[in-house]
Amino acid sequence: MSPFRSAPAYGPQALGAMYFGSTIAPDRSAALLEQFVDAGGVTIDTANNYPFWVEGMTGDESETFLGQYLATRGGPEDLLIATKIGARPRPGGSGFDQMQGLSASAVTTQIDGSLTRLGLDRVDLLYTHVNDPDTPLEETLQALDDLVRAGKVGTIGCSNLTLDRLREAHRISDENGWSRYEAIQMRHTYLTPAAGAEFWPQVALDDAQAAYAADEGMTVFAYAALLQGAYSRPDRAIPAEYHHRATGVQLEAVRSTAHRLGATANQVVLAYLMQALPSSVPVLGVSSPEQLREALDAVDLELDDQALATLRAARGLHTD
């Protein structure tokens, strides 16, 4: 039986397509998509700027590849397609400090570009990819509501937004009767960031934001969940932003739990995100069938009371 059969609408995991069709060759990308779909996977995650930072890439690649893939299978059918706008560089720009942003005109231009590349009339979930401090939230949210009313977007979400900005966005949407953010995609993993760690333009999920999202019935999509292999690969160091006095204890909690349950460290991390945080969906970033199989198998890993107690206790230690 598919591990996704009784999962909520988005499925317990999403497949990230950041490097599909570019650094991950088209044939391998298609095979990974088929493997995910065959396992019952539902949500495919992309953005309108993936991966512009790689030499020779423009940011069109991921959406364009997905559009070609969807065309070969006759459309999205039972898949949910999620994309993001706001962080694509302006024409002639080359960095995150030159983003198109989230003005009304930029929102309209960017969604039309995404739909063209994807070959779709509508995306199921559209995120604002970043915070745009130069555009009033009212302007962005009204433009997004217009997209929902026009049928170009099913549901809206936000990514890399602080709790204060999220609360303000919900207040504005509610007061105006506009569509509200129903999903949030944030940097999130088992290891806790060091106090004051900076990830700009990314934002890491904190406990207050996780609690707010749960209270508001939001789905939390967790990206960078496996820290690019750092939990399991000796050639991948734990990022400096996660170095603090409790790092070693937290890593040992993951590894000892994995050993006791006969699982891998990656599977324990994914299982923790899916089971310890309500409505949390890890976004899988994989480049091989073996990596994807390992991640998919984490759906069946049940963390018992001992595992959850061990992992929560280590994660609750002071990190300053």
C-alpha atoms as a PDB file:
ATOM      1  CA  MET A   1       0.000   0.000   0.000  1.00  0.00           C
ATOM      2  CA  SER A   2       1.267   3.484  -0.818  1.00  0.00           C
ATOM      3  CA  PRO A   3       2.526   5.306   2.299  1.00  0.00           C
ATOM      4  CA  PHE A   4       0.682   8.377   0.997  1.00  0.00           C
ATOM      5  CA  ARG A   5      -2.752   6.746   0.716  1.00  0.00           C
ATOM      6  CA  SER A   6      -4.264   8.187   3.899  1.00  0.00           C
ATOM      7  CA  ALA A   7      -2.215  11.406   3.909  1.00  0.00           C
ATOM      8  CA  PRO A   8      -3.718  14.914   3.832  1.00  0.00           C
ATOM      9  CA  ALA A   9      -4.188  16.753   0.548  1.00  0.00           C
ATOM     10  CA  TYR A  10      -0.554  17.772   0.090  1.00  0.00           C
ATOM     11  CA  GLY A  11       0.798  14.387   1.134  1.00  0.00           C
ATOM     12  CA  PRO A  12       3.271  13.924   4.007  1.00  0.00           C
ATOM     13  CA  GLN A  13       6.198  14.982   1.787  1.00  0.00           C
ATOM     14  CA  ALA A  14       6.679  17.266  -1.212  1.00  0.00           C
ATOM     15  CA  LEU A  15       9.273  16.799  -3.930  1.00  0.00           C
ATOM     16  CA  GLY A  16      11.498  19.803  -4.541  1.00  0.00           C
ATOM     17  CA  ALA A  17      12.339  20.437  -8.198  1.00  0.00           C
ATOM     18  CA  MET A  18      14.933  23.169  -7.680  1.00  0.00           C
ATOM     19  CA  TYR A  19      17.632  21.586  -9.838  1.00  0.00           C
ATOM     20  CA  PHE A  20      15.457  19.462 -12.110  1.00  0.00           C
ATOM     21  CA  GLY A  21      16.270  19.923 -15.763  1.00  0.00           C
ATOM     22  CA  SER A  22      19.513  21.773 -15.004  1.00  0.00           C
ATOM     23  CA  THR A  23      22.225  20.353 -12.738  1.00  0.00           C
ATOM     24  CA  ILE A  24      20.083  17.214 -12.494  1.00  0.00           C
ATOM     25  CA  ALA A  25      19.771  16.020 -16.081  1.00  0.00           C
ATOM     26  CA  PRO A  26      16.287  15.926 -17.637  1.00  0.00           C
ATOM     27  CA  ASP A  27      16.140  12.131 -17.889  1.00  0.00           C
ATOM     28  CA  ARG A  28      17.160  11.654 -14.268  1.00  0.00           C
ATOM     29  CA  SER A  29      14.778  14.426 -13.184  1.00  0.00           C
ATOM     30  CA  ALA A  30      11.900  12.711 -14.966  1.00  0.00           C
ATOM     31  CA  ALA A  31      12.807   9.382 -13.367  1.00  0.00           C
ATOM     32  CA  LEU A  32      12.776  10.956  -9.891  1.00  0.00           C
ATOM     33  CA  LEU A  33       9.384  12.494 -10.562  1.00  0.00           C
ATOM     34  CA  GLU A  34       8.016   9.155 -11.715  1.00  0.00           C
ATOM     35  CA  GLN A  35       9.443   7.420  -8.651  1.00  0.00           C
ATOM     36  CA  PHE A  36       7.758   9.991  -6.387  1.00  0.00           C
ATOM     37  CA  VAL A  37       4.451   9.780  -8.242  1.00  0.00           C
ATOM     38  CA  ASP A  38       4.525   5.969  -8.297  1.00  0.00           C
ATOM     39  CA  ALA A  39       4.901   6.039  -4.504  1.00  0.00           C
ATOM     40  CA  GLY A  40       1.748   8.145  -4.262  1.00  0.00           C
ATOM     41  CA  GLY A  41       3.489  11.519  -4.028  1.00  0.00           C
ATOM     42  CA  VAL A  42       1.276  14.524  -4.636  1.00  0.00           C
ATOM     43  CA  THR A  43       3.013  17.902  -4.305  1.00  0.00           C
ATOM     44  CA  ILE A  44       5.763  19.132  -6.629  1.00  0.00           C
ATOM     45  CA  ASP A  45       7.542  22.278  -5.446  1.00  0.00           C
ATOM     46  CA  THR A  46       9.346  24.796  -7.648  1.00  0.00           C
ATOM     47  CA  ALA A  47       9.887  28.556  -8.039  1.00  0.00           C
ATOM     48  CA  ASN A  48      10.232  31.102 -10.820  1.00  0.00           C
ATOM     49  CA  ASN A  49      13.931  31.659 -10.087  1.00  0.00           C
ATOM     50  CA  TYR A  50      15.326  28.107  -9.822  1.00  0.00           C
ATOM     51  CA  PRO A  51      18.317  27.954 -10.186  1.00  0.00           C
ATOM     52  CA  PHE A  52      19.449  31.379 -11.474  1.00  0.00           C
ATOM     53  CA  TRP A  53      22.517  31.378  -9.175  1.00  0.00           C
ATOM     54  CA  VAL A  54      24.110  28.461 -11.040  1.00  0.00           C
ATOM     55  CA  GLU A  55      26.472  29.602 -13.775  1.00  0.00           C
ATOM     56  CA  GLY A  56      24.751  29.578 -17.157  1.00  0.00           C
ATOM     57  CA  MET A  57      21.226  29.365 -15.699  1.00  0.00           C
ATOM     58  CA  THR A  58      18.501  32.001 -15.942  1.00  0.00           C
ATOM     59  CA  GLY A  59      15.914  30.844 -13.390  1.00  0.00           C
ATOM     60  CA  ASP A  60      13.577  29.471 -16.067  1.00  0.00           C
ATOM     61  CA  GLU A  61      14.938  25.950 -15.895  1.00  0.00           C
ATOM     62  CA  SER A  62      12.930  24.228 -13.163  1.00  0.00           C
ATOM     63  CA  GLU A  63       9.502  25.520 -14.219  1.00  0.00           C
ATOM     64  CA  THR A  64      10.272  24.916 -17.883  1.00  0.00           C
ATOM     65  CA  PHE A  65      11.333  21.337 -17.232  1.00  0.00           C
ATOM     66  CA  LEU A  66       8.237  20.685 -15.129  1.00  0.00           C
ATOM     67  CA  GLY A  67       6.063  22.100 -17.905  1.00  0.00           C
ATOM     68  CA  GLN A  68       7.615  19.686 -20.365  1.00  0.00           C
ATOM     69  CA  TYR A  69       7.219  16.791 -17.930  1.00  0.00           C
ATOM     70  CA  LEU A  70       3.560  17.607 -17.284  1.00  0.00           C
ATOM     71  CA  ALA A  71       2.897  17.876 -21.006  1.00  0.00           C
ATOM     72  CA  THR A  72       4.267  14.370 -21.612  1.00  0.00           C
ATOM     73  CA  ARG A  73       1.912  12.913 -18.988  1.00  0.00           C
ATOM     74  CA  GLY A  74      -1.103  14.837 -20.233  1.00  0.00           C
ATOM     75  CA  GLY A  75      -1.228  17.488 -17.509  1.00  0.00           C
ATOM     76  CA  PRO A  76      -0.933  17.567 -13.730  1.00  0.00           C
ATOM     77  CA  GLU A  77      -3.890  15.191 -13.198  1.00  0.00           C
ATOM     78  CA  ASP A  78      -3.680  14.172  -9.529  1.00  0.00           C
ATOM     79  CA  LEU A  79      -0.580  16.257  -8.765  1.00  0.00           C
ATOM     80  CA  LEU A  80      -0.450  19.567  -6.911  1.00  0.00           C
ATOM     81  CA  ILE A  81       1.932  22.111  -8.403  1.00  0.00           C
ATOM     82  CA  ALA A  82       3.389  24.762  -6.108  1.00  0.00           C
ATOM     83  CA  THR A  83       5.566  27.634  -7.286  1.00  0.00           C
ATOM     84  CA  LYS A  84       6.883  30.910  -5.883  1.00  0.00           C
ATOM     85  CA  ILE A  85       7.259  34.502  -7.050  1.00  0.00           C
ATOM     86  CA  GLY A  86       9.126  37.526  -5.785  1.00  0.00           C
ATOM     87  CA  ALA A  87      12.766  36.413  -5.632  1.00  0.00           C
ATOM     88  CA  ARG A  88      13.502  36.314  -9.356  1.00  0.00           C
ATOM     89  CA  PRO A  89      16.103  38.939 -10.302  1.00  0.00           C
ATOM     90  CA  ARG A  90      14.911  41.921 -12.293  1.00  0.00           C
ATOM     91  CA  PRO A  91      15.895  41.905 -15.989  1.00  0.00           C
ATOM     92  CA  GLY A  92      19.610  42.515 -16.042  1.00  0.00           C
ATOM     93  CA  GLY A  93      19.933  41.642 -12.359  1.00  0.00           C
ATOM     94  CA  SER A  94      21.997  38.794 -11.025  1.00  0.00           C
ATOM     95  CA  GLY A  95      21.433  38.471  -7.281  1.00  0.00           C
ATOM     96  CA  PHE A  96      18.949  38.307  -4.435  1.00  0.00           C
ATOM     97  CA  ASP A  97      19.553  42.000  -3.782  1.00  0.00           C
ATOM     98  CA  GLN A  98      17.982  42.717  -7.197  1.00  0.00           C
ATOM     99  CA  MET A  99      14.715  40.813  -6.786  1.00  0.00           C
ATOM    100  CA  GLN A 100      11.580  41.692  -8.748  1.00  0.00           C
ATOM    101  CA  GLY A 101       9.639  41.826  -5.508  1.00  0.00           C
ATOM    102  CA  LEU A 102       5.925  41.748  -4.861  1.00  0.00           C
ATOM    103  CA  SER A 103       4.362  44.910  -6.226  1.00  0.00           C
ATOM    104  CA  ALA A 104       1.000  44.394  -7.923  1.00  0.00           C
ATOM    105  CA  SER A 105       2.550  44.694 -11.370  1.00  0.00           C
ATOM    106  CA  ALA A 106       5.403  42.325 -10.442  1.00  0.00           C
ATOM    107  CA  VAL A 107       2.942  39.753  -9.065  1.00  0.00           C
ATOM    108  CA  THR A 108       0.926  39.810 -12.295  1.00  0.00           C
ATOM    109  CA  THR A 109       3.968  39.641 -14.545  1.00  0.00           C
ATOM    110  CA  GLN A 110       5.592  36.841 -12.604  1.00  0.00           C
ATOM    111  CA  ILE A 111       2.570  34.555 -12.347  1.00  0.00           C
ATOM    112  CA  ASP A 112       1.949  34.879 -16.078  1.00  0.00           C
ATOM    113  CA  GLY A 113       5.569  33.911 -16.712  1.00  0.00           C
ATOM    114  CA  SER A 114       5.291  30.915 -14.402  1.00  0.00           C
ATOM    115  CA  LEU A 115       2.074  29.693 -15.995  1.00  0.00           C
ATOM    116  CA  THR A 116       3.633  29.972 -19.442  1.00  0.00           C
ATOM    117  CA  ARG A 117       6.709  27.985 -18.442  1.00  0.00           C
ATOM    118  CA  LEU A 118       4.620  25.382 -16.625  1.00  0.00           C
ATOM    119  CA  GLY A 119       2.137  25.134 -19.494  1.00  0.00           C
ATOM    120  CA  LEU A 120      -0.752  25.562 -17.065  1.00  0.00           C
ATOM    121  CA  ASP A 121      -3.748  27.850 -16.678  1.00  0.00           C
ATOM    122  CA  ARG A 122      -3.585  27.575 -12.888  1.00  0.00           C
ATOM    123  CA  VAL A 123      -1.203  26.598 -10.114  1.00  0.00           C
ATOM    124  CA  ASP A 124      -2.523  24.912  -6.995  1.00  0.00           C
ATOM    125  CA  LEU A 125      -0.328  26.791  -4.526  1.00  0.00           C
ATOM    126  CA  LEU A 126       1.468  30.095  -5.066  1.00  0.00           C
ATOM    127  CA  TYR A 127       3.958  31.391  -2.507  1.00  0.00           C
ATOM    128  CA  THR A 128       5.408  34.818  -2.063  1.00  0.00           C
ATOM    129  CA  HIS A 129       9.024  33.662  -1.990  1.00  0.00           C
ATOM    130  CA  VAL A 130      10.493  36.425   0.176  1.00  0.00           C
ATOM    131  CA  ASN A 131       9.583  39.452   2.217  1.00  0.00           C
ATOM    132  CA  ASP A 132       9.373  42.657   0.143  1.00  0.00           C
ATOM    133  CA  PRO A 133       9.784  45.560   2.580  1.00  0.00           C
ATOM    134  CA  ASP A 134       9.427  48.112  -0.235  1.00  0.00           C
ATOM    135  CA  THR A 135       5.868  47.102  -1.152  1.00  0.00           C
ATOM    136  CA  PRO A 136       2.912  47.556   1.212  1.00  0.00           C
ATOM    137  CA  LEU A 137       1.443  44.238   2.284  1.00  0.00           C
ATOM    138  CA  GLU A 138      -1.975  45.511   1.213  1.00  0.00           C
ATOM    139  CA  GLU A 139      -0.796  45.869  -2.376  1.00  0.00           C
ATOM    140  CA  THR A 140       0.687  42.382  -2.503  1.00  0.00           C
ATOM    141  CA  LEU A 141      -2.245  40.683  -0.815  1.00  0.00           C
ATOM    142  CA  GLN A 142      -4.848  42.358  -3.015  1.00  0.00           C
ATOM    143  CA  ALA A 143      -2.907  41.318  -6.108  1.00  0.00           C
ATOM    144  CA  LEU A 144      -2.773  37.738  -4.837  1.00  0.00           C
ATOM    145  CA  ASP A 145      -6.498  37.766  -4.077  1.00  0.00           C
ATOM    146  CA  ASP A 146      -7.111  38.969  -7.632  1.00  0.00           C
ATOM    147  CA  LEU A 147      -5.204  35.928  -8.912  1.00  0.00           C
ATOM    148  CA  VAL A 148      -7.318  33.570  -6.825  1.00  0.00           C
ATOM    149  CA  ARG A 149     -10.542  35.222  -8.007  1.00  0.00           C
ATOM    150  CA  ALA A 150      -9.320  35.044 -11.609  1.00  0.00           C
ATOM    151  CA  GLY A 151      -8.736  31.296 -11.253  1.00  0.00           C
ATOM    152  CA  LYS A 152      -4.990  31.488 -11.870  1.00  0.00           C
ATOM    153  CA  VAL A 153      -4.140  30.336  -8.338  1.00  0.00           C
ATOM    154  CA  GLY A 154      -5.852  27.887  -6.015  1.00  0.00           C
ATOM    155  CA  THR A 155      -4.282  28.707  -2.641  1.00  0.00           C
ATOM    156  CA  ILE A 156      -1.724  31.282  -1.543  1.00  0.00           C
ATOM    157  CA  GLY A 157       1.161  30.805   0.836  1.00  0.00           C
ATOM    158  CA  CYS A 158       4.252  32.661   1.972  1.00  0.00           C
ATOM    159  CA  SER A 159       7.882  31.739   2.382  1.00  0.00           C
ATOM    160  CA  ASN A 160      10.695  33.268   4.416  1.00  0.00           C
ATOM    161  CA  LEU A 161       8.361  35.562   6.338  1.00  0.00           C
ATOM    162  CA  THR A 162       8.780  36.535   9.985  1.00  0.00           C
ATOM    163  CA  LEU A 163       5.998  35.932  12.474  1.00  0.00           C
ATOM    164  CA  ASP A 164       5.200  39.639  12.813  1.00  0.00           C
ATOM    165  CA  ARG A 165       4.797  40.022   9.051  1.00  0.00           C
ATOM    166  CA  LEU A 166       2.694  36.869   8.833  1.00  0.00           C
ATOM    167  CA  ARG A 167       0.350  38.060  11.566  1.00  0.00           C
ATOM    168  CA  GLU A 168       0.020  41.431   9.858  1.00  0.00           C
ATOM    169  CA  ALA A 169      -0.694  39.776   6.514  1.00  0.00           C
ATOM    170  CA  HIS A 170      -3.453  37.667   8.054  1.00  0.00           C
ATOM    171  CA  ARG A 171      -4.971  40.720   9.725  1.00  0.00           C
ATOM    172  CA  ILE A 172      -5.053  42.650   6.443  1.00  0.00           C
ATOM    173  CA  SER A 173      -6.516  39.740   4.489  1.00  0.00           C
ATOM    174  CA  ASP A 174      -9.187  39.093   7.095  1.00  0.00           C
ATOM    175  CA  GLU A 175     -10.210  42.757   7.332  1.00  0.00           C
ATOM    176  CA  ASN A 176     -10.607  42.997   3.568  1.00  0.00           C
ATOM    177  CA  GLY A 177     -12.158  39.602   2.933  1.00  0.00           C
ATOM    178  CA  TRP A 178      -9.190  38.586   0.778  1.00  0.00           C
ATOM    179  CA  SER A 179      -7.589  35.167   0.389  1.00  0.00           C
ATOM    180  CA  ARG A 180      -5.199  34.577   3.271  1.00  0.00           C
ATOM    181  CA  TYR A 181      -1.920  32.732   3.484  1.00  0.00           C
ATOM    182  CA  GLU A 182      -2.815  29.100   4.163  1.00  0.00           C
ATOM    183  CA  ALA A 183       0.654  27.577   3.855  1.00  0.00           C
ATOM    184  CA  ILE A 184       4.114  28.696   4.870  1.00  0.00           C
ATOM    185  CA  GLN A 185       7.442  27.373   3.575  1.00  0.00           C
ATOM    186  CA  MET A 186      10.416  27.980   5.825  1.00  0.00           C
ATOM    187  CA  ARG A 187      13.922  26.747   6.411  1.00  0.00           C
ATOM    188  CA  HIS A 188      13.432  24.026   9.019  1.00  0.00           C
ATOM    189  CA  THR A 189      15.289  20.964  10.220  1.00  0.00           C
ATOM    190  CA  TYR A 190      15.798  19.033  13.434  1.00  0.00           C
ATOM    191  CA  LEU A 191      18.935  20.905  14.508  1.00  0.00           C
ATOM    192  CA  THR A 192      18.179  24.294  16.018  1.00  0.00           C
ATOM    193  CA  PRO A 193      19.987  27.349  14.619  1.00  0.00           C
ATOM    194  CA  ALA A 194      22.485  29.170  16.793  1.00  0.00           C
ATOM    195  CA  ALA A 195      21.187  32.277  18.524  1.00  0.00           C
ATOM    196  CA  GLY A 196      21.283  35.158  16.071  1.00  0.00           C
ATOM    197  CA  ALA A 197      22.034  32.937  13.048  1.00  0.00           C
ATOM    198  CA  GLU A 198      21.392  34.784   9.788  1.00  0.00           C
ATOM    199  CA  PHE A 199      20.166  33.021   6.645  1.00  0.00           C
ATOM    200  CA  TRP A 200      19.075  35.972   4.456  1.00  0.00           C
ATOM    201  CA  PRO A 201      17.109  35.867   2.226  1.00  0.00           C
ATOM    202  CA  GLN A 202      15.976  32.660   3.878  1.00  0.00           C
ATOM    203  CA  VAL A 203      14.226  32.642   7.251  1.00  0.00           C
ATOM    204  CA  ALA A 204      14.321  29.721   9.686  1.00  0.00           C
ATOM    205  CA  LEU A 205      11.127  28.583  11.374  1.00  0.00           C
ATOM    206  CA  ASP A 206      11.100  29.164  15.129  1.00  0.00           C
ATOM    207  CA  ASP A 207       8.888  27.655  17.795  1.00  0.00           C
ATOM    208  CA  ALA A 208       6.627  30.720  18.044  1.00  0.00           C
ATOM    209  CA  GLN A 209       5.967  30.691  14.332  1.00  0.00           C
ATOM    210  CA  ALA A 210       5.340  26.943  14.333  1.00  0.00           C
ATOM    211  CA  ALA A 211       2.811  27.359  17.135  1.00  0.00           C
ATOM    212  CA  TYR A 212       1.087  30.234  15.331  1.00  0.00           C
ATOM    213  CA  ALA A 213       0.895  28.259  12.097  1.00  0.00           C
ATOM    214  CA  ALA A 214      -0.653  25.316  13.961  1.00  0.00           C
ATOM    215  CA  ASP A 215      -3.206  27.583  15.648  1.00  0.00           C
ATOM    216  CA  GLU A 216      -4.131  29.101  12.277  1.00  0.00           C
ATOM    217  CA  GLY A 217      -4.451  25.721  10.569  1.00  0.00           C
ATOM    218  CA  MET A 218      -1.565  26.458   8.198  1.00  0.00           C
ATOM    219  CA  THR A 219       0.456  23.741   6.489  1.00  0.00           C
ATOM    220  CA  VAL A 220       4.176  24.163   7.190  1.00  0.00           C
ATOM    221  CA  PHE A 221       6.493  23.127   4.359  1.00  0.00           C
ATOM    222  CA  ALA A 222      10.048  22.557   5.617  1.00  0.00           C
ATOM    223  CA  TYR A 223      12.919  23.114   3.200  1.00  0.00           C
ATOM    224  CA  ALA A 224      16.628  22.352   3.745  1.00  0.00           C
ATOM    225  CA  ALA A 225      15.393  19.629   6.105  1.00  0.00           C
ATOM    226  CA  LEU A 226      18.439  17.401   5.603  1.00  0.00           C
ATOM    227  CA  LEU A 227      21.028  20.193   5.392  1.00  0.00           C
ATOM    228  CA  GLN A 228      22.284  18.968   2.028  1.00  0.00           C
ATOM    229  CA  GLY A 229      23.323  15.612   3.463  1.00  0.00           C
ATOM    230  CA  ALA A 230      25.157  16.871   6.552  1.00  0.00           C
ATOM    231  CA  TYR A 231      23.376  14.440   8.905  1.00  0.00           C
ATOM    232  CA  SER A 232      24.733  11.411   7.105  1.00  0.00           C
ATOM    233  CA  ARG A 233      27.672  12.318   4.856  1.00  0.00           C
ATOM    234  CA  PRO A 234      31.127  12.816   6.382  1.00  0.00           C
ATOM    235  CA  ASP A 235      32.077  15.065   3.452  1.00  0.00           C
ATOM    236  CA  ARG A 236      29.230  17.493   4.263  1.00  0.00           C
ATOM    237  CA  ALA A 237      29.833  19.658   7.303  1.00  0.00           C
ATOM    238  CA  ILE A 238      27.061  20.911   9.534  1.00  0.00           C
ATOM    239  CA  PRO A 239      26.493  24.537   8.428  1.00  0.00           C
ATOM    240  CA  ALA A 240      28.069  27.117  10.724  1.00  0.00           C
ATOM    241  CA  GLU A 241      24.638  28.590  11.509  1.00  0.00           C
ATOM    242  CA  TYR A 242      23.823  25.405  13.459  1.00  0.00           C
ATOM    243  CA  HIS A 243      26.998  25.348  15.568  1.00  0.00           C
ATOM    244  CA  HIS A 244      26.312  25.932  19.264  1.00  0.00           C
ATOM    245  CA  ARG A 245      26.803  24.238  22.617  1.00  0.00           C
ATOM    246  CA  ALA A 246      23.951  21.783  22.044  1.00  0.00           C
ATOM    247  CA  THR A 247      24.833  20.715  18.489  1.00  0.00           C
ATOM    248  CA  GLY A 248      26.681  17.585  19.541  1.00  0.00           C
ATOM    249  CA  VAL A 249      23.907  16.485  21.897  1.00  0.00           C
ATOM    250  CA  GLN A 250      21.269  16.988  19.209  1.00  0.00           C
ATOM    251  CA  LEU A 251      23.257  15.051  16.614  1.00  0.00           C
ATOM    252  CA  GLU A 252      23.789  12.203  19.080  1.00  0.00           C
ATOM    253  CA  ALA A 253      20.045  12.133  19.784  1.00  0.00           C
ATOM    254  CA  VAL A 254      19.385  11.677  16.060  1.00  0.00           C
ATOM    255  CA  ARG A 255      22.083   9.051  15.588  1.00  0.00           C
ATOM    256  CA  SER A 256      21.256   7.017  18.694  1.00  0.00           C
ATOM    257  CA  THR A 257      17.571   7.034  17.786  1.00  0.00           C
ATOM    258  CA  ALA A 258      18.402   5.909  14.253  1.00  0.00           C
ATOM    259  CA  HIS A 259      20.552   3.070  15.585  1.00  0.00           C
ATOM    260  CA  ARG A 260      17.886   1.896  18.048  1.00  0.00           C
ATOM    261  CA  LEU A 261      15.091   1.979  15.456  1.00  0.00           C
ATOM    262  CA  GLY A 262      17.127   0.497  12.611  1.00  0.00           C
ATOM    263  CA  ALA A 263      16.754   3.634  10.513  1.00  0.00           C
ATOM    264  CA  THR A 264      19.057   6.249   9.023  1.00  0.00           C
ATOM    265  CA  ALA A 265      19.761   9.664  10.509  1.00  0.00           C
ATOM    266  CA  ASN A 266      18.012  11.290   7.552  1.00  0.00           C
ATOM    267  CA  GLN A 267      14.909   9.189   8.135  1.00  0.00           C
ATOM    268  CA  VAL A 268      14.800  10.141  11.812  1.00  0.00           C
ATOM    269  CA  VAL A 269      15.021  13.837  10.932  1.00  0.00           C
ATOM    270  CA  LEU A 270      12.221  13.571   8.361  1.00  0.00           C
ATOM    271  CA  ALA A 271      10.059  11.472  10.688  1.00  0.00           C
ATOM    272  CA  TYR A 272      10.541  14.028  13.464  1.00  0.00           C
ATOM    273  CA  LEU A 273       9.425  16.859  11.211  1.00  0.00           C
ATOM    274  CA  MET A 274       6.367  14.930  10.064  1.00  0.00           C
ATOM    275  CA  GLN A 275       5.340  13.681  13.518  1.00  0.00           C
ATOM    276  CA  ALA A 276       6.423  16.308  16.049  1.00  0.00           C
ATOM    277  CA  LEU A 277       5.133  19.392  14.237  1.00  0.00           C
ATOM    278  CA  PRO A 278       1.441  19.450  13.283  1.00  0.00           C
ATOM    279  CA  SER A 279       0.758  19.748   9.537  1.00  0.00           C
ATOM    280  CA  SER A 280       4.469  19.773   8.641  1.00  0.00           C
ATOM    281  CA  VAL A 281       5.487  18.625   5.147  1.00  0.00           C
ATOM    282  CA  PRO A 282       9.216  18.228   4.406  1.00  0.00           C
ATOM    283  CA  VAL A 283      10.259  19.339   0.924  1.00  0.00           C
ATOM    284  CA  LEU A 284      12.625  16.663  -0.356  1.00  0.00           C
ATOM    285  CA  GLY A 285      15.733  17.809  -2.173  1.00  0.00           C
ATOM    286  CA  VAL A 286      17.205  14.703  -3.810  1.00  0.00           C
ATOM    287  CA  SER A 287      19.352  13.915  -6.820  1.00  0.00           C
ATOM    288  CA  SER A 288      19.322  10.112  -6.961  1.00  0.00           C
ATOM    289  CA  PRO A 289      16.786   7.269  -6.738  1.00  0.00           C
ATOM    290  CA  GLU A 290      18.533   5.965  -3.629  1.00  0.00           C
ATOM    291  CA  GLN A 291      18.188   9.290  -1.816  1.00  0.00           C
ATOM    292  CA  LEU A 292      14.528   9.509  -2.739  1.00  0.00           C
ATOM    293  CA  ARG A 293      13.828   5.937  -1.633  1.00  0.00           C
ATOM    294  CA  GLU A 294      15.452   6.614   1.731  1.00  0.00           C
ATOM    295  CA  ALA A 295      13.328   9.735   2.184  1.00  0.00           C
ATOM    296  CA  LEU A 296      10.098   8.043   1.104  1.00  0.00           C
ATOM    297  CA  ASP A 297      10.686   5.222   3.566  1.00  0.00           C
ATOM    298  CA  ALA A 298      10.769   7.769   6.397  1.00  0.00           C
ATOM    299  CA  VAL A 299       6.972   8.006   6.077  1.00  0.00           C
ATOM    300  CA  ASP A 300       6.727   4.513   7.566  1.00  0.00           C
ATOM    301  CA  LEU A 301       9.160   5.205  10.419  1.00  0.00           C
ATOM    302  CA  GLU A 302       7.108   5.552  13.595  1.00  0.00           C
ATOM    303  CA  LEU A 303       8.937   7.434  16.333  1.00  0.00           C
ATOM    304  CA  ASP A 304       7.949   5.867  19.636  1.00  0.00           C
ATOM    305  CA  ASP A 305       7.579   7.732  22.926  1.00  0.00           C
ATOM    306  CA  GLN A 306      11.212   7.143  23.837  1.00  0.00           C
ATOM    307  CA  ALA A 307      12.437   8.522  20.519  1.00  0.00           C
ATOM    308  CA  LEU A 308      10.242  11.603  20.695  1.00  0.00           C
ATOM    309  CA  ALA A 309      11.258  12.278  24.295  1.00  0.00           C
ATOM    310  CA  THR A 310      14.966  11.947  23.452  1.00  0.00           C
ATOM    311  CA  LEU A 311      14.742  14.162  20.392  1.00  0.00           C
ATOM    312  CA  ARG A 312      12.596  16.824  22.067  1.00  0.00           C
ATOM    313  CA  ALA A 313      14.826  16.990  25.120  1.00  0.00           C
ATOM    314  CA  ALA A 314      17.970  17.525  23.041  1.00  0.00           C
ATOM    315  CA  ARG A 315      16.252  20.062  20.803  1.00  0.00           C
ATOM    316  CA  GLY A 316      15.098  22.033  23.840  1.00  0.00           C
ATOM    317  CA  LEU A 317      18.607  22.686  25.161  1.00  0.00           C
ATOM    318  CA  HIS A 318      19.960  26.242  25.176  1.00  0.00           C
ATOM    319  CA  THR A 319      21.879  27.080  21.995  1.00  0.00           C
ATOM    320  CA  ASP A 320      23.504  30.394  22.957  1.00  0.00           C
END
